[in-house]
Amino acid sequence: MKKSSIVIISALTAAVLAAGCSSGSSTASASAAETTAAATTAAQAAETKAEETKAAETEAKTEAASADSDLAYVQGNGKLVVGITDFEPMDYKDASGNWIGFDADMAKAFAESIGVDAEFVEIDWDNKILELDSKSIDCVWNGMTLTDEVKSSMECSNAYCNNAQVVIVKKDVADKYQDIDSLKELSFAAEAGSAGEAELTALGLNCTQVKAQADALMEVAAGTSTGAVIDSLMAAAMVGEGTGYADLTYTIGLNSEEYGVGFRKGSDLAAALNDFLKASYADGSMLECAEKYGVQAALVEQ
């Protein structure tokens, strides 16, 4: 064999060997890259899973805390849903449609103190306990009399206002109705589920149920009923000279009672409100609010 042929064969052999080495090196590099990528993906998946587990645990703890604490539940929702009726001077709307009144203003201040907003929802007063237990509302804050039924069905705050149930009639016949016996000839209207209705029932007097105390006044003004029983604080604000019912007046009181706020049974919001009422009474802000709506004489010391 010629020398030139040997050189050519050697060169070809070296080229083939070089090509083989190059291919092996590329394959090894690709395999290493795939292994690294797989490891990275696995690490990311593990990290994501850990984050999801931690989030689930946090959510579970929050839900557990909310289940045990109405305060945590309300703060988690960012609002305190307050069940009310149209009841001046406690809860009523201003010219712009905003809820105001002694109870409304105090509810807003309390909500702010626990870091949430107050949201007002008009309810059927006769269904207030059902509304509360179903969590449609978080509290009943509407000049609510602390009756035995209320106290057994709700977690109630301390009393904050004194009140009474009074008889409303037209002014021109008021002299005829100054004692209990004289009331028997009257046909009364009273808010369903109210303390006024309870007093009429206890006295054996006839009563037509209406949706709100304001409706009871309308009944008397229209002559549909000859008498109504409403809260004395409402009567002072809505009946007589300078009011929308100048031809009506109140005669006798049927009882004496106290107002409180109702929460779900066992709720820790009642204790939180008691602390707030005590502080607001001490710093004078409760009195200032009461004077704004003319109910300062009814305040109960905290």
Protein backbone atom coordinates (compact mmCIF):
# COMPACT_ATOMS: atom_id res chain seq x y z
CA MET A 1 0.00 0.00 0.00
CA LYS A 2 1.16 3.38 -0.84
CA LYS A 3 2.06 5.83 1.87
CA SER A 4 -0.47 8.33 0.60
CA SER A 5 -3.26 5.77 0.94
CA ILE A 6 -2.25 5.04 4.55
CA VAL A 7 -2.40 8.74 5.36
CA ILE A 8 -5.87 9.08 3.85
CA ILE A 9 -7.20 6.05 5.74
CA SER A 10 -5.75 7.35 9.02
CA ALA A 11 -7.33 10.74 8.46
CA LEU A 12 -10.73 9.20 7.78
CA THR A 13 -10.48 7.04 10.87
CA ALA A 14 -9.61 10.03 13.04
CA ALA A 15 -12.54 11.98 11.62
CA VAL A 16 -14.97 9.16 12.40
CA LEU A 17 -13.59 8.81 15.93
CA ALA A 18 -13.82 12.58 16.45
CA ALA A 19 -17.40 12.59 15.23
CA GLY A 20 -18.26 9.79 17.61
CA CYS A 21 -16.73 11.59 20.59
CA SER A 22 -18.57 14.79 19.69
CA SER A 23 -21.91 12.98 19.49
CA GLY A 24 -21.35 11.33 22.87
CA SER A 25 -20.44 14.62 24.48
CA SER A 26 -23.62 16.32 23.13
CA THR A 27 -25.79 13.46 24.35
CA ALA A 28 -24.26 13.64 27.83
CA SER A 29 -24.76 17.39 27.97
CA ALA A 30 -28.39 17.10 26.89
CA SER A 31 -29.03 14.41 29.49
CA ALA A 32 -27.49 16.53 32.23
CA ALA A 33 -29.62 19.52 31.19
CA GLU A 34 -32.78 17.41 31.26
CA THR A 35 -31.90 16.10 34.72
CA THR A 36 -31.31 19.65 36.01
CA ALA A 37 -34.61 20.88 34.51
CA ALA A 38 -36.50 17.97 36.02
CA ALA A 39 -34.94 18.64 39.42
CA THR A 40 -35.87 22.34 39.17
CA THR A 41 -39.47 21.50 38.21
CA ALA A 42 -39.75 19.05 41.09
CA ALA A 43 -38.39 21.64 43.52
CA GLN A 44 -40.84 24.25 42.25
CA ALA A 45 -43.73 21.80 42.52
CA ALA A 46 -42.72 20.93 46.07
CA GLU A 47 -42.50 24.62 46.97
CA THR A 48 -45.93 25.32 45.43
CA LYS A 49 -47.41 22.37 47.29
CA ALA A 50 -45.93 23.62 50.56
CA GLU A 51 -47.38 27.07 49.97
CA GLU A 52 -50.81 25.61 49.16
CA THR A 53 -50.70 23.47 52.30
CA LYS A 54 -49.73 26.45 54.43
CA ALA A 55 -52.53 28.56 52.89
CA ALA A 56 -55.04 25.78 53.52
CA GLU A 57 -53.91 25.47 57.13
CA THR A 58 -54.19 29.24 57.61
CA GLU A 59 -57.68 29.26 56.08
CA ALA A 60 -58.73 26.35 58.27
CA LYS A 61 -57.46 28.15 61.37
CA THR A 62 -59.29 31.34 60.33
CA GLU A 63 -62.51 29.43 59.75
CA ALA A 64 -62.14 27.69 63.10
CA ALA A 65 -61.56 31.03 64.83
CA SER A 66 -64.56 32.53 63.06
CA ALA A 67 -66.71 29.59 64.11
CA ASP A 68 -65.76 30.17 67.74
CA SER A 69 -65.76 33.97 67.60
CA ASP A 70 -68.42 36.28 66.19
CA LEU A 71 -65.90 39.11 66.48
CA ALA A 72 -63.47 37.23 64.18
CA TYR A 73 -66.33 36.37 61.82
CA VAL A 74 -67.41 40.01 61.52
CA GLN A 75 -63.84 41.24 61.13
CA GLY A 76 -63.25 38.62 58.45
CA ASN A 77 -66.28 39.94 56.54
CA GLY A 78 -65.17 43.54 57.03
CA LYS A 79 -68.65 44.63 58.13
CA LEU A 80 -71.13 44.53 61.00
CA VAL A 81 -74.62 43.87 59.60
CA VAL A 82 -77.13 45.66 61.84
CA GLY A 83 -80.80 44.66 61.83
CA ILE A 84 -83.14 47.65 62.26
CA THR A 85 -86.56 49.12 61.54
CA ASP A 86 -87.50 52.71 60.78
CA PHE A 87 -87.67 54.05 64.34
CA GLU A 88 -86.96 57.71 65.00
CA PRO A 89 -84.95 58.84 66.97
CA MET A 90 -83.01 55.56 67.12
CA ASP A 91 -82.74 54.47 63.46
CA TYR A 92 -84.16 56.48 60.55
CA LYS A 93 -83.09 57.96 57.22
CA ASP A 94 -81.96 61.52 56.57
CA ALA A 95 -82.84 63.51 53.45
CA SER A 96 -80.04 61.78 51.54
CA GLY A 97 -81.27 58.30 52.44
CA ASN A 98 -78.53 57.58 54.97
CA TRP A 99 -79.36 55.81 58.22
CA ILE A 100 -78.95 58.09 61.24
CA GLY A 101 -80.24 58.21 64.82
CA PHE A 102 -78.85 57.50 68.25
CA ASP A 103 -78.62 53.74 67.69
CA ALA A 104 -77.37 54.10 64.11
CA ASP A 105 -74.60 56.53 65.08
CA MET A 106 -73.51 54.40 68.03
CA ALA A 107 -73.50 51.28 65.81
CA LYS A 108 -71.25 53.05 63.29
CA ALA A 109 -68.87 54.11 66.07
CA PHE A 110 -68.74 50.59 67.52
CA ALA A 111 -68.11 49.07 64.09
CA GLU A 112 -65.25 51.50 63.55
CA SER A 113 -63.78 50.55 66.94
CA ILE A 114 -63.47 46.90 65.85
CA GLY A 115 -62.12 47.80 62.41
CA VAL A 116 -65.18 47.22 60.20
CA ASP A 117 -68.02 49.17 58.55
CA ALA A 118 -71.63 49.18 59.73
CA GLU A 119 -74.21 47.98 57.21
CA PHE A 120 -77.91 48.52 58.01
CA VAL A 121 -80.63 46.10 56.95
CA GLU A 122 -84.35 46.65 57.55
CA ILE A 123 -85.90 43.51 59.00
CA ASP A 124 -89.32 42.22 59.94
CA TRP A 125 -89.19 42.82 63.68
CA ASP A 126 -91.23 39.73 64.38
CA ASN A 127 -88.46 37.63 62.74
CA LYS A 128 -85.47 39.29 64.38
CA ILE A 129 -84.26 36.13 66.14
CA LEU A 130 -84.48 34.07 62.94
CA GLU A 131 -82.59 36.77 61.02
CA LEU A 132 -79.87 36.74 63.65
CA ASP A 133 -79.48 32.97 63.88
CA SER A 134 -79.37 32.57 60.09
CA LYS A 135 -76.54 35.16 59.95
CA SER A 136 -78.56 37.46 57.70
CA ILE A 137 -77.63 40.06 60.30
CA ASP A 138 -74.99 40.20 63.05
CA CYS A 139 -76.95 42.11 65.66
CA VAL A 140 -80.31 43.71 66.46
CA TRP A 141 -79.71 47.35 67.39
CA ASN A 142 -82.96 49.23 67.21
CA GLY A 143 -84.28 50.35 70.57
CA MET A 144 -84.81 46.70 71.50
CA THR A 145 -86.47 46.07 74.83
CA LEU A 146 -84.65 43.52 76.98
CA THR A 147 -87.60 41.16 77.49
CA ASP A 148 -87.26 37.66 78.93
CA GLU A 149 -87.72 36.21 75.42
CA VAL A 150 -84.99 38.41 73.97
CA LYS A 151 -82.56 37.63 76.78
CA SER A 152 -83.14 33.88 76.47
CA SER A 153 -82.73 33.90 72.67
CA MET A 154 -79.85 36.34 72.21
CA GLU A 155 -76.55 37.30 73.78
CA CYS A 156 -77.46 40.79 74.97
CA SER A 157 -75.41 43.84 75.82
CA ASN A 158 -75.85 45.77 79.01
CA ALA A 159 -78.82 48.16 79.04
CA TYR A 160 -77.97 51.59 77.63
CA CYS A 161 -81.32 53.44 77.64
CA ASN A 162 -84.48 53.50 79.75
CA ASN A 163 -87.83 53.37 77.99
CA ALA A 164 -91.55 52.71 78.47
CA GLN A 165 -94.52 51.69 76.35
CA VAL A 166 -97.03 54.55 76.02
CA VAL A 167 -100.54 54.86 74.66
CA ILE A 168 -101.06 57.11 71.62
CA VAL A 169 -104.45 58.59 70.74
CA LYS A 170 -105.78 61.63 68.94
CA LYS A 171 -105.30 64.78 70.96
CA ASP A 172 -108.98 65.76 71.00
CA VAL A 173 -109.98 62.56 72.88
CA ALA A 174 -106.92 62.19 75.11
CA ASP A 175 -108.78 63.19 78.29
CA LYS A 176 -110.92 60.05 78.02
CA TYR A 177 -107.97 57.66 78.17
CA GLN A 178 -106.00 58.28 81.32
CA ASP A 179 -106.22 54.88 83.03
CA ILE A 180 -106.08 51.21 82.11
CA ASP A 181 -109.82 50.58 82.37
CA SER A 182 -110.59 53.33 79.87
CA LEU A 183 -108.41 51.67 77.23
CA LYS A 184 -110.76 48.71 76.75
CA GLU A 185 -112.88 50.53 74.18
CA LEU A 186 -109.90 51.37 71.96
CA SER A 187 -108.80 49.36 68.91
CA PHE A 188 -104.97 49.30 69.08
CA ALA A 189 -102.25 48.98 66.49
CA ALA A 190 -98.79 47.79 67.52
CA GLU A 191 -95.65 46.52 65.85
CA ALA A 192 -95.63 42.73 65.51
CA GLY A 193 -93.25 41.15 68.00
CA SER A 194 -92.76 44.40 69.91
CA ALA A 195 -92.88 45.13 73.63
CA GLY A 196 -95.97 47.24 72.90
CA GLU A 197 -97.82 44.26 71.46
CA ALA A 198 -96.74 42.17 74.47
CA GLU A 199 -98.15 44.75 76.89
CA LEU A 200 -101.48 44.89 75.07
CA THR A 201 -101.70 41.09 75.06
CA ALA A 202 -100.90 40.94 78.78
CA LEU A 203 -103.69 43.44 79.47
CA GLY A 204 -106.15 41.52 77.32
CA LEU A 205 -106.63 44.45 74.93
CA ASN A 206 -107.30 43.97 71.23
CA CYS A 207 -104.42 44.61 68.88
CA THR A 208 -103.85 44.77 65.13
CA GLN A 209 -100.29 43.87 64.16
CA VAL A 210 -98.39 46.22 61.86
CA LYS A 211 -94.88 45.99 60.43
CA ALA A 212 -93.30 48.92 62.31
CA GLN A 213 -94.08 51.38 65.10
CA ALA A 214 -94.27 54.17 62.52
CA ASP A 215 -97.08 52.21 60.85
CA ALA A 216 -98.96 52.10 64.16
CA LEU A 217 -98.90 55.91 64.28
CA MET A 218 -100.17 56.06 60.70
CA GLU A 219 -103.08 53.79 61.68
CA VAL A 220 -104.18 56.17 64.42
CA ALA A 221 -103.70 59.28 62.27
CA ALA A 222 -105.81 57.69 59.52
CA GLY A 223 -108.51 56.59 61.96
CA THR A 224 -108.02 52.89 61.08
CA SER A 225 -107.15 52.28 64.73
CA THR A 226 -108.16 54.44 67.68
CA GLY A 227 -105.00 53.84 69.68
CA ALA A 228 -101.42 52.69 69.37
CA VAL A 229 -98.74 51.57 71.79
CA ILE A 230 -95.16 52.59 70.96
CA ASP A 231 -91.89 53.36 72.74
CA SER A 232 -91.82 56.56 74.78
CA LEU A 233 -88.60 57.69 73.10
CA MET A 234 -90.24 57.41 69.70
CA ALA A 235 -93.35 59.18 70.95
CA ALA A 236 -91.26 62.09 72.23
CA ALA A 237 -89.66 62.50 68.82
CA MET A 238 -92.62 61.89 66.51
CA VAL A 239 -95.84 62.92 68.28
CA GLY A 240 -97.17 66.37 69.25
CA GLU A 241 -96.43 69.95 68.33
CA GLY A 242 -93.72 70.45 65.74
CA THR A 243 -93.86 66.85 64.48
CA GLY A 244 -95.55 65.09 61.59
CA TYR A 245 -98.27 63.93 63.99
CA ALA A 246 -99.25 67.19 65.67
CA ASP A 247 -102.83 65.97 66.21
CA LEU A 248 -101.70 62.93 68.21
CA THR A 249 -100.52 62.72 71.81
CA TYR A 250 -99.49 60.12 74.37
CA THR A 251 -101.39 59.55 77.58
CA ILE A 252 -100.40 56.81 80.03
CA GLY A 253 -97.37 54.57 80.29
CA LEU A 254 -97.93 50.83 80.53
CA ASN A 255 -94.56 49.77 81.91
CA SER A 256 -90.91 50.66 82.32
CA GLU A 257 -88.13 48.90 80.45
CA GLU A 258 -84.58 49.06 79.16
CA TYR A 259 -82.96 48.90 75.73
CA GLY A 260 -80.09 46.60 74.80
CA VAL A 261 -78.38 45.20 71.71
CA GLY A 262 -78.80 41.54 70.76
CA PHE A 263 -76.22 39.22 69.19
CA ARG A 264 -76.23 35.50 68.44
CA LYS A 265 -76.36 33.35 71.57
CA GLY A 266 -72.84 32.93 72.96
CA SER A 267 -71.41 35.73 70.80
CA ASP A 268 -68.27 37.49 72.05
CA LEU A 269 -69.47 40.69 70.35
CA ALA A 270 -71.70 41.42 73.35
CA ALA A 271 -68.69 41.71 75.67
CA ALA A 272 -66.86 43.83 73.08
CA LEU A 273 -69.85 46.18 72.89
CA ASN A 274 -70.09 46.41 76.68
CA ASP A 275 -66.47 47.57 76.77
CA PHE A 276 -67.22 50.10 74.03
CA LEU A 277 -70.34 51.43 75.81
CA LYS A 278 -68.41 51.82 79.05
CA ALA A 279 -65.61 53.73 77.31
CA SER A 280 -67.96 55.96 75.30
CA TYR A 281 -69.99 56.78 78.42
CA ALA A 282 -66.79 57.65 80.31
CA ASP A 283 -65.35 59.90 77.60
CA GLY A 284 -68.66 61.71 76.99
CA SER A 285 -69.13 60.62 73.37
CA MET A 286 -72.30 58.66 74.22
CA LEU A 287 -73.84 61.69 75.93
CA GLU A 288 -72.90 63.91 72.98
CA CYS A 289 -74.63 61.50 70.60
CA ALA A 290 -77.69 61.25 72.86
CA GLU A 291 -78.01 65.04 73.04
CA LYS A 292 -77.93 65.22 69.24
CA TYR A 293 -81.12 63.13 69.13
CA GLY A 294 -82.77 64.33 72.35
CA VAL A 295 -82.52 61.05 74.30
CA GLN A 296 -79.96 62.10 76.90
CA ALA A 297 -82.43 61.81 79.80
CA ALA A 298 -82.90 58.12 79.01
CA LEU A 299 -79.23 57.11 79.16
CA VAL A 300 -78.27 54.34 81.56
CA GLU A 301 -74.92 54.78 83.32
CA GLN A 302 -72.33 52.26 82.18
